[in-house]
C-alpha atoms as a PDB file:
ATOM      1  CA  MET A   1    -283.090  54.762  -7.070  1.00  0.00           C
ATOM      2  CA  PRO A   2    -281.519  51.512  -5.861  1.00  0.00           C
ATOM      3  CA  VAL A   3    -284.106  51.174  -3.089  1.00  0.00           C
ATOM      4  CA  ASN A   4    -286.503  50.257  -6.100  1.00  0.00           C
ATOM      5  CA  ARG A   5    -284.618  46.999  -6.263  1.00  0.00           C
ATOM      6  CA  GLY A   6    -286.192  45.686  -3.225  1.00  0.00           C
ATOM      7  CA  TRP A   7    -289.122  47.907  -2.943  1.00  0.00           C
ATOM      8  CA  GLY A   8    -291.572  48.731  -6.094  1.00  0.00           C
ATOM      9  CA  LEU A   9    -293.632  51.705  -6.635  1.00  0.00           C
ATOM     10  CA  GLU A  10    -296.874  49.883  -5.901  1.00  0.00           C
ATOM     11  CA  ASP A  11    -295.421  48.437  -2.772  1.00  0.00           C
ATOM     12  CA  LEU A  12    -294.850  51.909  -1.585  1.00  0.00           C
ATOM     13  CA  LEU A  13    -298.283  53.313  -2.992  1.00  0.00           C
ATOM     14  CA  ALA A  14    -299.986  50.782  -0.948  1.00  0.00           C
ATOM     15  CA  ALA A  15    -297.807  51.582   2.269  1.00  0.00           C
ATOM     16  CA  CYS A  16    -299.053  55.296   1.583  1.00  0.00           C
ATOM     17  CA  ARG A  17    -302.769  54.135   1.197  1.00  0.00           C
ATOM     18  CA  ARG A  18    -302.394  52.339   4.607  1.00  0.00           C
ATOM     19  CA  PHE A  19    -300.444  55.144   6.514  1.00  0.00           C
ATOM     20  CA  PRO A  20    -302.885  56.707   9.113  1.00  0.00           C
ATOM     21  CA  LEU A  21    -302.804  60.317   8.429  1.00  0.00           C
ATOM     22  CA  PRO A  22    -304.557  62.910  10.642  1.00  0.00           C
ATOM     23  CA  LEU A  23    -308.057  64.384   8.817  1.00  0.00           C
ATOM     24  CA  ARG A  24    -306.524  67.782   7.405  1.00  0.00           C
ATOM     25  CA  GLN A  25    -303.092  66.166   6.150  1.00  0.00           C
ATOM     26  CA  ARG A  26    -301.839  65.143   3.026  1.00  0.00           C
ATOM     27  CA  MET A  27    -298.852  63.263   1.883  1.00  0.00           C
ATOM     28  CA  THR A  28    -296.410  65.183  -0.451  1.00  0.00           C
ATOM     29  CA  PHE A  29    -294.879  64.035  -3.228  1.00  0.00           C
ATOM     30  CA  GLU A  30    -292.393  65.409  -5.141  1.00  0.00           C
ATOM     31  CA  TYR A  31    -292.274  65.091  -9.206  1.00  0.00           C
ATOM     32  CA  VAL A  32    -289.627  66.518 -11.277  1.00  0.00           C
ATOM     33  CA  LEU A  33    -290.694  67.615 -14.915  1.00  0.00           C
ATOM     34  CA  LEU A  34    -288.395  66.732 -17.605  1.00  0.00           C
ATOM     35  CA  ASP A  35    -289.066  68.130 -21.182  1.00  0.00           C
ATOM     36  CA  GLN A  36    -290.418  65.456 -23.429  1.00  0.00           C
ATOM     37  CA  VAL A  37    -289.620  62.567 -20.983  1.00  0.00           C
ATOM     38  CA  ASN A  38    -292.693  62.715 -18.249  1.00  0.00           C
ATOM     39  CA  ASP A  39    -294.547  66.146 -18.761  1.00  0.00           C
ATOM     40  CA  SER A  40    -297.208  65.066 -21.198  1.00  0.00           C
ATOM     41  CA  GLU A  41    -300.870  65.088 -20.123  1.00  0.00           C
ATOM     42  CA  GLU A  42    -300.802  61.337 -20.508  1.00  0.00           C
ATOM     43  CA  ASP A  43    -298.043  61.416 -17.854  1.00  0.00           C
ATOM     44  CA  ALA A  44    -300.136  63.633 -15.605  1.00  0.00           C
ATOM     45  CA  LEU A  45    -303.462  61.291 -16.006  1.00  0.00           C
ATOM     46  CA  ARG A  46    -301.017  58.299 -15.022  1.00  0.00           C
ATOM     47  CA  LEU A  47    -299.739  60.026 -11.754  1.00  0.00           C
ATOM     48  CA  ALA A  48    -303.374  60.666 -11.059  1.00  0.00           C
ATOM     49  CA  ARG A  49    -304.221  57.566 -11.335  1.00  0.00           C
ATOM     50  CA  LEU A  50    -301.203  56.072  -9.118  1.00  0.00           C
ATOM     51  CA  LEU A  51    -302.194  58.434  -6.402  1.00  0.00           C
ATOM     52  CA  ARG A  52    -305.695  57.531  -6.469  1.00  0.00           C
ATOM     53  CA  GLY A  53    -307.012  56.670  -2.825  1.00  0.00           C
ATOM     54  CA  ILE A  54    -303.958  58.575  -1.286  1.00  0.00           C
ATOM     55  CA  ARG A  55    -304.819  62.067   0.353  1.00  0.00           C
ATOM     56  CA  ALA A  56    -301.794  63.565  -1.875  1.00  0.00           C
ATOM     57  CA  LYS A  57    -300.171  66.988  -2.564  1.00  0.00           C
ATOM     58  CA  VAL A  58    -297.566  67.066  -5.531  1.00  0.00           C
ATOM     59  CA  ASN A  59    -294.962  69.560  -5.969  1.00  0.00           C
ATOM     60  CA  LEU A  60    -294.405  69.926  -9.309  1.00  0.00           C
ATOM     61  CA  ILE A  61    -290.689  70.907  -9.857  1.00  0.00           C
ATOM     62  CA  PRO A  62    -289.574  72.041 -13.477  1.00  0.00           C
ATOM     63  CA  PHE A  63    -285.991  70.864 -13.757  1.00  0.00           C
ATOM     64  CA  ASN A  64    -283.028  73.050 -13.677  1.00  0.00           C
ATOM     65  CA  ASP A  65    -281.300  73.297 -16.787  1.00  0.00           C
ATOM     66  CA  TRP A  66    -277.429  73.212 -16.927  1.00  0.00           C
ATOM     67  CA  ASP A  67    -274.821  72.621 -19.608  1.00  0.00           C
ATOM     68  CA  GLY A  68    -274.495  68.989 -20.434  1.00  0.00           C
ATOM     69  CA  ALA A  69    -277.496  67.789 -17.959  1.00  0.00           C
ATOM     70  CA  GLY A  70    -279.136  65.680 -20.878  1.00  0.00           C
ATOM     71  CA  PHE A  71    -282.428  67.095 -19.928  1.00  0.00           C
ATOM     72  CA  THR A  72    -284.320  70.137 -20.341  1.00  0.00           C
ATOM     73  CA  ARG A  73    -286.951  72.147 -18.497  1.00  0.00           C
ATOM     74  CA  PRO A  74    -290.442  71.671 -20.203  1.00  0.00           C
ATOM     75  CA  PRO A  75    -291.807  74.918 -21.717  1.00  0.00           C
ATOM     76  CA  LEU A  76    -294.533  77.000 -19.146  1.00  0.00           C
ATOM     77  CA  SER A  77    -297.352  76.095 -21.262  1.00  0.00           C
ATOM     78  CA  ARG A  78    -296.738  71.857 -20.390  1.00  0.00           C
ATOM     79  CA  ILE A  79    -295.999  72.527 -17.103  1.00  0.00           C
ATOM     80  CA  LEU A  80    -299.179  74.604 -16.309  1.00  0.00           C
ATOM     81  CA  ALA A  81    -301.346  71.772 -18.209  1.00  0.00           C
ATOM     82  CA  PHE A  82    -299.719  69.213 -16.106  1.00  0.00           C
ATOM     83  CA  GLN A  83    -300.731  70.940 -13.007  1.00  0.00           C
ATOM     84  CA  THR A  84    -304.104  71.736 -14.589  1.00  0.00           C
ATOM     85  CA  ARG A  85    -304.985  67.845 -15.204  1.00  0.00           C
ATOM     86  CA  LEU A  86    -303.894  66.798 -11.625  1.00  0.00           C
ATOM     87  CA  LEU A  87    -306.046  69.811 -10.295  1.00  0.00           C
ATOM     88  CA  GLU A  88    -308.954  68.563 -12.446  1.00  0.00           C
ATOM     89  CA  ARG A  89    -308.650  65.114 -10.463  1.00  0.00           C
ATOM     90  CA  GLY A  90    -308.762  66.388  -7.298  1.00  0.00           C
ATOM     91  CA  ILE A  91    -305.156  66.575  -6.380  1.00  0.00           C
ATOM     92  CA  THR A  92    -303.371  69.361  -4.963  1.00  0.00           C
ATOM     93  CA  ALA A  93    -300.538  70.514  -7.131  1.00  0.00           C
ATOM     94  CA  THR A  94    -298.034  73.355  -6.670  1.00  0.00           C
ATOM     95  CA  ILE A  95    -295.270  74.481  -8.916  1.00  0.00           C
ATOM     96  CA  ARG A  96    -291.949  75.098  -6.972  1.00  0.00           C
ATOM     97  CA  TRP A  97    -290.474  77.811  -9.016  1.00  0.00           C
ATOM     98  CA  SER A  98    -286.769  78.222  -8.665  1.00  0.00           C
ATOM     99  CA  LYS A  99    -284.574  80.820  -7.176  1.00  0.00           C
ATOM    100  CA  GLY A 100    -281.063  81.725  -8.873  1.00  0.00           C
ATOM    101  CA  GLU A 101    -281.776  79.894 -12.001  1.00  0.00           C
ATOM    102  CA  ASP A 102    -280.861  83.296 -13.834  1.00  0.00           C
ATOM    103  CA  ILE A 103    -277.606  82.770 -12.354  1.00  0.00           C
ATOM    104  CA  GLY A 104    -276.726  79.152 -12.771  1.00  0.00           C
ATOM    105  CA  ALA A 105    -277.410  78.756  -8.827  1.00  0.00           C
ATOM    106  CA  ALA A 106    -280.423  77.128  -9.050  1.00  0.00           C
ATOM    107  CA  CYS A 107    -280.903  73.518  -7.358  1.00  0.00           C
ATOM    108  CA  GLY A 108    -278.702  71.220  -9.181  1.00  0.00           C
ATOM    109  CA  GLN A 109    -276.717  73.512 -11.009  1.00  0.00           C
ATOM    110  CA  LEU A 110    -273.840  74.407  -8.439  1.00  0.00           C
ATOM    111  CA  ALA A 111    -272.920  70.636  -8.130  1.00  0.00           C
ATOM    112  CA  GLU A 112    -272.242  70.605 -11.578  1.00  0.00           C
ATOM    113  CA  SER A 113    -270.721  74.020 -12.011  1.00  0.00           C
ATOM    114  CA  ARG A 114    -266.781  73.959 -12.824  1.00  0.00           C
ATOM    115  CA  HIS A 115    -264.253  76.969 -12.883  1.00  0.00           C
ATOM    116  CA  THR A 116    -260.925  77.098 -13.474  1.00  0.00           C
ATOM    117  CA  VAL A 117    -259.002  79.483 -11.205  1.00  0.00           C
ATOM    118  CA  PRO A 118    -255.469  80.635 -12.737  1.00  0.00           C
ATOM    119  CA  VAL A 119    -252.809  79.794 -10.289  1.00  0.00           C
ATOM    120  CA  PRO A 120    -249.981  82.428  -9.833  1.00  0.00           C
ATOM    121  CA  ALA A 121    -246.571  81.393 -10.838  1.00  0.00           C
END
């Protein structure tokens, strides 16, 4: 994201650590899982280390495939293994399952859909 040119990840996480959260609240982080890009167990451990010292909750979002995306959704076994690694390290991690994926209407899919409609002569 362009904002990262001025504010690095370490700066952001340091600010998150300093933020005065009420006792029972957690910061929510969203993490899009991309097959063979950021979905390995090592990636999960790295994320857990980055979030150390932050009362965090992570929403894991498996990528919604669409033609021409260049990325794919990880297999279910890798999604669940990623979640398990976070949970083992005390980080609340939920998986956001998409609705509408079966008809190409999940988040991110409609923006790339192009249909041609015949124009009457």
